[in-house]
Protein backbone atom coordinates (compact mmCIF):
# COMPACT_ATOMS: atom_id res chain seq x y z
CA MET A 1 -17.27 15.28 -10.30
CA LYS A 2 -17.78 14.65 -6.61
CA ILE A 3 -15.58 11.89 -5.19
CA LEU A 4 -15.75 10.00 -1.89
CA VAL A 5 -12.48 8.57 -0.53
CA LEU A 6 -12.79 5.83 2.08
CA GLY A 7 -10.15 5.76 4.81
CA GLY A 8 -8.29 8.13 7.05
CA GLY A 9 -4.53 7.59 6.76
CA GLY A 10 -1.57 9.02 4.89
CA ARG A 11 -2.46 7.16 1.70
CA GLU A 12 -5.95 8.64 1.71
CA HIS A 13 -4.53 12.11 2.36
CA ALA A 14 -2.36 11.70 -0.75
CA LEU A 15 -5.31 10.40 -2.78
CA ALA A 16 -7.48 13.34 -1.80
CA TRP A 17 -4.64 15.75 -2.61
CA LYS A 18 -4.13 14.24 -6.07
CA LEU A 19 -7.84 13.91 -6.89
CA ARG A 20 -8.39 17.59 -6.12
CA GLN A 21 -5.93 18.50 -8.86
CA SER A 22 -8.18 17.12 -11.58
CA PRO A 23 -10.02 19.85 -13.54
CA GLN A 24 -13.04 17.53 -13.53
CA VAL A 25 -13.31 17.40 -9.74
CA GLU A 26 -15.56 19.84 -7.94
CA ARG A 27 -15.41 18.38 -4.45
CA VAL A 28 -13.76 15.57 -2.48
CA PHE A 29 -15.25 13.89 0.59
CA SER A 30 -13.56 11.43 2.94
CA LEU A 31 -15.11 8.87 5.27
CA PRO A 32 -14.03 8.94 8.02
CA GLY A 33 -11.09 11.12 7.00
CA SER A 34 -8.93 12.84 9.61
CA ASP A 35 -7.95 16.28 10.81
CA GLY A 36 -5.10 16.19 8.30
CA ILE A 37 -7.29 15.09 5.39
CA ALA A 38 -9.73 17.88 6.28
CA THR A 39 -7.31 20.30 4.58
CA GLN A 40 -8.12 18.55 1.26
CA ALA A 41 -11.60 17.08 1.70
CA THR A 42 -14.85 17.34 3.62
CA CYS A 43 -14.71 14.64 6.28
CA LEU A 44 -17.73 12.52 7.20
CA ALA A 45 -18.31 10.56 10.37
CA GLY A 46 -18.84 6.83 9.99
CA ASP A 47 -17.31 3.39 9.63
CA ALA A 48 -15.73 2.85 6.21
CA THR A 49 -16.15 -0.92 6.56
CA ASP A 50 -19.93 -0.67 7.01
CA ALA A 51 -21.53 -1.02 3.59
CA ALA A 52 -24.82 0.56 4.62
CA THR A 53 -23.07 3.67 5.98
CA VAL A 54 -20.92 4.10 2.89
CA LEU A 55 -23.81 3.53 0.48
CA ALA A 56 -26.00 6.02 2.34
CA ALA A 57 -23.26 8.66 2.15
CA ALA A 58 -22.63 8.04 -1.56
CA GLN A 59 -26.32 8.35 -2.33
CA ALA A 60 -26.98 11.37 -0.13
CA LEU A 61 -24.03 13.29 -1.59
CA ALA A 62 -24.67 12.03 -5.14
CA VAL A 63 -20.97 11.26 -5.57
CA ASP A 64 -19.81 10.23 -9.01
CA LEU A 65 -17.13 7.84 -7.74
CA THR A 66 -16.14 6.18 -4.48
CA VAL A 67 -12.42 5.38 -4.13
CA VAL A 68 -11.55 2.71 -1.54
CA GLY A 69 -8.27 3.42 0.24
CA PRO A 70 -7.56 0.60 2.74
CA GLU A 71 -8.11 -3.12 2.42
CA ALA A 72 -10.62 -3.57 5.26
CA PRO A 73 -13.65 -2.11 3.38
CA LEU A 74 -12.83 -4.37 0.42
CA ALA A 75 -12.68 -7.42 2.67
CA ALA A 76 -16.03 -6.36 4.14
CA GLY A 77 -17.69 -6.23 0.70
CA VAL A 78 -18.25 -2.47 0.56
CA SER A 79 -17.41 -2.28 -3.15
CA ASP A 80 -19.89 -5.10 -3.88
CA ALA A 81 -22.69 -3.20 -2.11
CA LEU A 82 -21.95 0.00 -4.03
CA ARG A 83 -21.89 -1.79 -7.39
CA ALA A 84 -25.13 -3.63 -6.59
CA ALA A 85 -26.75 -0.25 -5.99
CA GLY A 86 -25.46 1.11 -9.30
CA ARG A 87 -22.78 3.35 -7.79
CA ALA A 88 -19.38 3.71 -9.46
CA VAL A 89 -16.63 2.44 -7.17
CA PHE A 90 -12.89 2.00 -7.63
CA GLY A 91 -11.86 -1.12 -5.75
CA PRO A 92 -12.17 -4.85 -6.40
CA SER A 93 -15.00 -7.09 -5.27
CA ARG A 94 -14.62 -9.09 -2.08
CA ALA A 95 -13.99 -12.21 -4.21
CA ALA A 96 -11.22 -10.50 -6.19
CA ALA A 97 -9.78 -8.94 -3.02
CA GLN A 98 -8.80 -12.44 -1.86
CA LEU A 99 -5.54 -11.81 -3.69
CA GLU A 100 -4.67 -9.80 -0.58
CA THR A 101 -7.04 -10.99 2.11
CA SER A 102 -5.81 -14.59 1.86
CA LYS A 103 -2.12 -15.28 1.30
CA ILE A 104 -2.96 -18.92 0.69
CA PHE A 105 -5.50 -18.06 -2.01
CA ALA A 106 -2.93 -15.80 -3.68
CA LYS A 107 -0.15 -18.40 -3.63
CA GLU A 108 -2.42 -21.13 -4.97
CA PHE A 109 -3.69 -18.73 -7.66
CA LEU A 110 -0.11 -17.97 -8.70
CA GLU A 111 0.61 -21.69 -8.88
CA ARG A 112 -2.53 -22.41 -10.93
CA HIS A 113 -1.68 -19.76 -13.49
CA HIS A 114 2.07 -20.41 -13.65
CA ILE A 115 2.99 -16.93 -12.43
CA PRO A 116 6.54 -16.87 -10.98
CA THR A 117 6.68 -16.87 -7.18
CA ALA A 118 8.59 -18.48 -4.32
CA ARG A 119 8.14 -22.14 -3.41
CA PHE A 120 5.66 -22.47 -0.56
CA ALA A 121 3.60 -24.71 1.70
CA ALA A 122 0.28 -23.82 3.36
CA VAL A 123 -0.38 -25.25 6.84
CA ASP A 124 -2.97 -24.97 9.59
CA ASP A 125 -1.45 -27.09 12.37
CA VAL A 126 1.93 -27.27 14.07
CA ALA A 127 2.76 -30.85 13.07
CA ALA A 128 2.19 -30.14 9.37
CA GLY A 129 4.14 -26.92 9.73
CA ARG A 130 7.14 -28.64 11.24
CA ARG A 131 7.14 -31.23 8.47
CA ALA A 132 7.00 -28.46 5.88
CA LEU A 133 9.78 -26.49 7.57
CA ALA A 134 12.04 -29.53 7.25
CA THR A 135 11.89 -29.10 3.46
CA PHE A 136 13.05 -25.45 3.58
CA GLY A 137 16.45 -24.06 4.47
CA SER A 138 17.20 -20.95 6.51
CA PRO A 139 16.26 -18.19 6.43
CA VAL A 140 12.61 -18.98 5.76
CA VAL A 141 9.56 -16.73 5.47
CA LEU A 142 6.35 -17.25 7.46
CA LYS A 143 3.24 -15.33 6.46
CA ALA A 144 -0.11 -15.11 8.21
CA ASP A 145 -2.87 -16.05 5.80
CA GLY A 146 -5.19 -13.17 6.70
CA LEU A 147 -4.96 -9.40 6.96
CA ALA A 148 -2.43 -8.32 9.58
CA ALA A 149 -1.90 -4.59 8.91
CA GLY A 150 1.44 -5.21 7.22
CA LYS A 151 2.81 -7.07 10.26
CA GLY A 152 2.00 -10.67 9.36
CA VAL A 153 5.35 -11.54 7.76
CA VAL A 154 8.34 -12.90 9.70
CA ILE A 155 11.70 -13.81 8.19
CA ALA A 156 13.05 -16.51 10.51
CA THR A 157 16.83 -16.74 10.47
CA ASP A 158 17.02 -20.29 11.84
CA ARG A 159 14.87 -23.37 12.43
CA ARG A 160 14.23 -22.60 16.09
CA GLN A 161 12.89 -19.12 15.36
CA ALA A 162 10.81 -20.52 12.50
CA GLU A 163 9.15 -23.13 14.76
CA GLN A 164 8.50 -20.57 17.51
CA THR A 165 6.97 -18.16 15.02
CA LEU A 166 4.86 -20.91 13.48
CA GLU A 167 3.50 -21.96 16.88
CA ALA A 168 2.76 -18.35 17.90
CA MET A 169 0.96 -17.60 14.64
CA LEU A 170 -1.18 -20.73 14.67
CA ALA A 171 -2.08 -20.14 18.32
CA GLY A 172 -3.31 -16.66 17.50
CA ALA A 173 -0.68 -15.09 19.76
CA LEU A 174 1.16 -13.15 17.06
CA VAL A 175 -1.46 -11.59 14.75
CA GLY A 176 -4.72 -13.02 16.08
CA GLU A 177 -7.09 -14.86 13.76
CA ALA A 178 -5.09 -13.76 10.70
CA GLY A 179 -2.43 -16.31 11.63
CA ARG A 180 -4.63 -19.38 12.09
CA ARG A 181 -3.36 -20.53 8.69
CA VAL A 182 0.22 -19.92 7.63
CA VAL A 183 2.23 -19.81 4.42
CA ILE A 184 5.78 -21.11 4.72
CA GLU A 185 7.86 -19.76 1.87
CA GLU A 186 11.41 -19.90 0.60
CA CYS A 187 13.34 -16.68 1.20
CA LEU A 188 14.13 -15.06 -2.13
CA ARG A 189 17.16 -12.84 -2.62
CA GLY A 190 17.34 -9.54 -4.45
CA PRO A 191 15.98 -5.99 -4.39
CA GLU A 192 12.25 -5.47 -4.03
CA LEU A 193 10.00 -3.53 -6.37
CA SER A 194 6.45 -2.26 -5.94
CA LEU A 195 4.55 -1.91 -9.20
CA LEU A 196 0.95 -0.73 -9.19
CA ALA A 197 -1.42 -1.29 -12.09
CA ILE A 198 -4.78 0.46 -12.38
CA ALA A 199 -7.01 -2.21 -13.91
CA ASP A 200 -10.52 -2.25 -15.37
CA GLY A 201 -10.82 -6.04 -15.37
CA GLU A 202 -9.02 -6.54 -18.69
CA ARG A 203 -6.71 -3.64 -19.44
CA TRP A 204 -4.31 -1.84 -17.16
CA ARG A 205 -2.22 1.27 -16.78
CA LEU A 206 1.02 1.13 -14.82
CA LEU A 207 1.91 3.83 -12.34
CA PRO A 208 5.56 4.80 -11.80
CA PRO A 209 7.55 2.15 -9.89
CA ALA A 210 8.44 2.42 -6.22
CA ARG A 211 10.39 0.70 -3.49
CA ASP A 212 9.37 0.81 0.15
CA HIS A 213 11.33 0.18 3.33
CA LYS A 214 9.53 -2.14 5.75
CA ARG A 215 12.08 -2.53 8.55
CA LEU A 216 12.03 -0.01 11.37
CA GLN A 217 15.70 0.91 11.44
CA ASP A 218 18.46 1.95 9.06
CA GLY A 219 20.16 -0.85 7.19
CA ASP A 220 16.92 -2.87 7.11
CA ARG A 221 17.26 -3.83 10.76
CA GLY A 222 14.58 -4.18 13.39
CA PRO A 223 10.99 -5.41 13.14
CA ASN A 224 8.78 -5.16 10.08
CA THR A 225 6.41 -2.19 10.00
CA GLY A 226 3.68 -0.95 7.73
CA GLY A 227 6.39 1.00 5.92
CA MET A 228 8.95 3.60 7.03
CA GLY A 229 9.36 5.29 3.68
CA ALA A 230 9.33 4.82 -0.07
CA PHE A 231 10.81 6.32 -3.20
CA SER A 232 10.04 6.34 -6.90
CA CYS A 233 12.37 6.84 -9.86
CA ASP A 234 12.67 5.35 -13.33
CA ALA A 235 15.97 3.65 -12.50
CA LEU A 236 13.90 1.08 -10.58
CA LEU A 237 12.21 -0.17 -13.76
CA PRO A 238 14.16 -0.30 -17.03
CA PRO A 239 11.93 -0.87 -20.12
CA ALA A 240 12.99 -4.52 -20.56
CA LEU A 241 12.13 -5.32 -16.94
CA GLN A 242 8.77 -3.56 -17.25
CA SER A 243 7.92 -5.65 -20.31
CA GLN A 244 8.89 -8.85 -18.51
CA ILE A 245 6.72 -8.02 -15.50
CA GLU A 246 3.71 -7.05 -17.61
CA ARG A 247 4.05 -10.24 -19.64
CA SER A 248 4.76 -12.68 -16.80
CA VAL A 249 2.77 -11.15 -13.91
CA VAL A 250 0.23 -8.42 -14.71
CA ALA A 251 -1.33 -9.87 -17.86
CA PRO A 252 -1.73 -13.47 -16.59
CA THR A 253 -3.05 -12.27 -13.22
CA LEU A 254 -5.84 -10.20 -14.78
CA ALA A 255 -6.61 -12.93 -17.30
CA GLY A 256 -6.63 -15.59 -14.58
CA MET A 257 -8.93 -13.61 -12.31
CA ALA A 258 -11.36 -13.04 -15.17
CA ALA A 259 -11.25 -16.72 -16.12
CA GLU A 260 -12.08 -17.70 -12.53
CA GLY A 261 -15.15 -15.46 -12.52
CA ARG A 262 -13.74 -12.73 -10.31
CA PRO A 263 -12.54 -9.99 -12.70
CA PHE A 264 -10.17 -7.57 -11.04
CA GLN A 265 -11.15 -3.90 -11.16
CA GLY A 266 -9.01 -1.66 -8.97
CA VAL A 267 -5.33 -1.32 -8.09
CA LEU A 268 -3.32 -4.49 -8.53
CA TYR A 269 -0.30 -3.90 -6.31
CA CYS A 270 2.47 -6.28 -7.32
CA GLY A 271 5.08 -6.72 -4.59
CA LEU A 272 8.04 -8.23 -6.44
CA MET A 273 11.50 -9.59 -5.71
CA LEU A 274 13.98 -9.08 -8.53
CA THR A 275 15.94 -12.33 -8.42
CA PRO A 276 18.74 -13.36 -10.81
CA GLN A 277 16.13 -15.58 -12.51
CA GLY A 278 13.72 -12.67 -13.03
CA ALA A 279 10.89 -10.98 -11.16
CA ARG A 280 9.01 -13.14 -8.63
CA VAL A 281 5.75 -12.22 -6.90
CA LEU A 282 6.19 -11.80 -3.14
CA GLU A 283 2.62 -10.69 -2.54
CA PHE A 284 -0.36 -8.95 -4.03
CA ASN A 285 -2.22 -6.05 -2.49
CA VAL A 286 -5.53 -4.92 -3.93
CA ARG A 287 -5.34 -1.21 -3.15
CA PHE A 288 -2.90 1.67 -3.25
CA GLY A 289 0.16 1.04 -1.10
CA ASP A 290 1.05 3.04 1.98
CA PRO A 291 3.54 4.80 1.94
CA GLU A 292 4.24 4.04 -1.74
CA THR A 293 1.27 6.16 -2.84
CA GLN A 294 2.78 9.19 -1.12
CA ALA A 295 5.89 8.80 -3.31
CA ILE A 296 4.20 7.75 -6.57
CA LEU A 297 1.39 10.28 -6.92
CA PRO A 298 3.53 13.42 -6.46
CA ARG A 299 5.60 12.55 -9.54
CA TRP A 300 2.84 11.08 -11.71
CA GLY A 301 1.52 13.44 -14.37
CA GLY A 302 -1.80 11.71 -15.01
CA ASP A 303 -5.33 12.78 -14.11
CA LEU A 304 -6.13 10.41 -11.25
CA ALA A 305 -9.85 11.15 -11.11
CA ALA A 306 -10.37 10.60 -14.84
CA THR A 307 -8.27 7.42 -14.81
CA LEU A 308 -10.04 5.86 -11.83
CA LEU A 309 -13.48 6.76 -13.20
CA ALA A 310 -12.64 5.19 -16.57
CA ALA A 311 -11.37 2.01 -14.90
CA SER A 312 -14.59 1.84 -12.86
CA THR A 313 -17.09 2.57 -15.64
CA SER A 314 -16.30 2.82 -19.35
CA GLY A 315 -12.94 1.07 -19.26
CA LEU A 316 -9.38 2.24 -19.82
CA PRO A 317 -8.24 3.21 -23.31
CA ALA A 318 -6.73 0.39 -25.34
CA PRO A 319 -3.84 0.29 -25.55
CA ALA A 320 -3.29 2.18 -22.33
CA PRO A 321 -0.53 4.78 -22.67
CA ALA A 322 2.58 4.53 -20.54
CA ALA A 323 2.49 6.28 -17.20
CA ALA A 324 3.59 9.89 -17.48
CA ALA A 325 5.95 11.31 -14.89
CA ASP A 326 6.19 15.08 -14.56
CA PHE A 327 9.08 14.73 -12.12
CA GLY A 328 12.10 12.47 -12.34
CA ALA A 329 11.83 11.20 -8.79
CA ALA A 330 9.93 11.50 -5.53
CA ALA A 331 10.29 10.16 -2.02
CA CYS A 332 8.32 9.87 1.20
CA VAL A 333 9.93 9.51 4.64
CA VAL A 334 7.76 8.39 7.55
CA ALA A 335 7.94 9.81 11.06
CA ALA A 336 6.70 7.24 13.58
CA SER A 337 5.85 7.32 17.27
CA ALA A 338 8.15 5.93 19.95
CA GLY A 339 7.41 2.24 20.44
CA TYR A 340 6.02 1.67 16.95
CA PRO A 341 5.38 -0.98 15.58
CA GLY A 342 4.56 -2.07 19.13
CA PRO A 343 2.51 -0.13 21.68
CA TYR A 344 2.93 3.62 21.44
CA ALA A 345 1.69 6.71 23.24
CA ALA A 346 -0.49 9.34 21.57
CA GLY A 347 -0.94 13.02 22.26
CA GLU A 348 2.66 14.21 21.77
CA PRO A 349 2.79 17.81 20.45
CA ILE A 350 4.18 18.08 16.90
CA ALA A 351 6.42 21.04 16.12
CA GLY A 352 7.18 22.31 12.64
CA LEU A 353 3.79 22.05 10.91
CA GLU A 354 2.91 25.71 11.24
CA PRO A 355 2.10 27.52 7.96
CA GLY A 356 5.29 28.65 6.28
CA ALA A 357 7.57 26.57 8.50
CA LEU A 358 8.65 24.20 5.72
CA ASP A 359 10.02 24.45 2.19
CA PRO A 360 6.96 24.96 -0.04
CA GLU A 361 8.19 22.08 -2.20
CA VAL A 362 7.72 19.66 0.71
CA LEU A 363 4.41 17.79 1.02
CA VAL A 364 3.25 16.54 4.41
CA PHE A 365 0.70 13.73 4.41
CA HIS A 366 -0.93 13.09 7.78
CA ALA A 367 -1.10 9.42 8.78
CA GLY A 368 -1.80 9.54 12.51
CA THR A 369 -2.38 13.07 13.78
CA ARG A 370 -5.11 15.09 15.42
CA ARG A 371 -5.77 18.79 15.90
CA ARG A 372 -6.28 19.91 19.49
CA ASP A 373 -6.55 23.52 20.73
CA GLY A 374 -5.07 24.83 17.51
CA ALA A 375 -2.02 22.54 17.58
CA TRP A 376 -1.09 19.19 16.02
CA GLN A 377 -0.60 16.08 18.14
CA THR A 378 0.40 12.49 17.42
CA ALA A 379 -2.48 10.02 17.20
CA GLY A 380 -1.04 6.90 15.58
CA GLY A 381 1.96 4.65 15.10
CA ARG A 382 2.94 6.17 11.79
CA VAL A 383 2.37 9.88 12.29
CA LEU A 384 3.48 11.75 9.16
CA GLY A 385 4.73 11.04 5.66
CA VAL A 386 7.05 13.81 4.51
CA ALA A 387 7.29 13.78 0.71
CA ALA A 388 9.10 15.74 -1.97
CA ARG A 389 9.69 15.52 -5.71
CA ALA A 390 12.53 16.72 -7.92
CA ALA A 391 14.31 16.00 -11.17
CA ALA A 392 16.76 13.72 -9.32
CA LEU A 393 16.16 11.34 -6.43
CA GLY A 394 18.96 12.82 -4.35
CA ASP A 395 17.34 16.24 -4.48
CA ALA A 396 13.92 14.83 -3.53
CA LEU A 397 15.43 13.00 -0.56
CA ALA A 398 17.37 16.08 0.53
CA ARG A 399 14.13 18.05 0.64
CA CYS A 400 12.44 15.35 2.70
CA TYR A 401 15.23 15.12 5.24
CA SER A 402 15.69 18.87 5.51
CA ALA A 403 12.09 19.04 6.72
CA PHE A 404 13.10 17.05 9.79
CA ASP A 405 15.30 19.92 10.85
CA THR A 406 11.95 21.59 11.62
CA ILE A 407 9.44 18.78 12.27
CA HIS A 408 9.79 17.13 15.65
CA PHE A 409 7.87 15.34 18.38
CA ARG A 410 9.10 13.44 21.42
CA GLY A 411 10.33 9.93 20.58
CA MET A 412 10.06 10.46 16.83
CA GLN A 413 11.50 7.57 14.78
CA VAL A 414 12.80 8.33 11.27
CA ARG A 415 14.90 6.14 9.00
CA ARG A 416 17.79 8.07 7.48
CA ASP A 417 18.57 5.72 4.58
CA ILE A 418 15.39 5.80 2.49
CA GLY A 419 16.23 5.60 -1.22
CA LYS A 420 19.88 4.71 -0.69
CA GLU A 421 19.81 1.78 -3.15
CA THR A 422 18.09 2.27 -6.51
CA SER A 423 19.56 -0.47 -8.71
CA PRO A 424 16.96 -2.92 -10.11
CA GLN A 425 19.42 -5.82 -10.14
């Protein structure tokens, strides 16, 4: 097999790394890729959101499967163009991708199909928003309707902050056009869980569970980010909880999407809150999570290439076997630039990535780096994802954090409490 991975971040680096391990895979390409991904794949110039560019590359290289990493190509209809041309692609259609590209669509879908979620109101003007806010207590959650690179969610601690956030979103001052419509949502309490299901439109196969850390600083303080780290272990998902989630969330979501004429083929990322009343859907994503993927794939024992090809063509086996985990736990800790998630400087030299500098059990996935004059430099907000796997979570985390005795760049931000809480309840 020859596989084309769309995207150029840490998630795509992890996908390319895992796909290369399949005995069926001869070669992996990435568009546009990155200097870091170039260690695992042949990188191609081009815009991954441009359907014509992607289709031309898939045809010229005669790839057997295109795997879409980020959400932007899905929102742009790249998967639709590939399918229309008879090319195998792993990623939902633009219509199905609305589960992520429109928070309002997703919430109304959940309501239509009686899938448990938080109470909400959808608004597109300040007056309606203020009236809706009056029906919610504090804290309250405000979500931009459109794609906002993981930064379109604000948890307002009081009414004044909620109204200011609402006005800023609707005015386009907070996340641009993505915030022209807003979801106001009750703030649920409990630990979060990320559960990813590889789906062929009808059947699914769960990947190992994960939990990510969105806030910038230890103790879940500071602004929301795209993710400062994640971990995966079986303690996050006892069998009874897995059964409940499959029954109340995964199965009705896939059935509902098919019934509405937009069958879901790709990764259904279920972002869940584990409340005392059971699991509730916080959000859906329609692609592999970042940095969850960097924690999930290192411990998963399955053949990713074969699984994604089956989901995209012949269909998954029925019934799909449970996800296999070769390792008991894995973790990924993100190193971010100074200033992130706000403005940040690029071009800082990165120490500690020289061959042999790190424990061979440590995996480094490049999220925002570049190679200049034989040395690595920062080139993004999230720079590196340092991952490790082990029989026990504590050992995996120790390996991750020991790497930061060696890895360093000026202004580096690293959370030191990733994986501290593992209880599902």
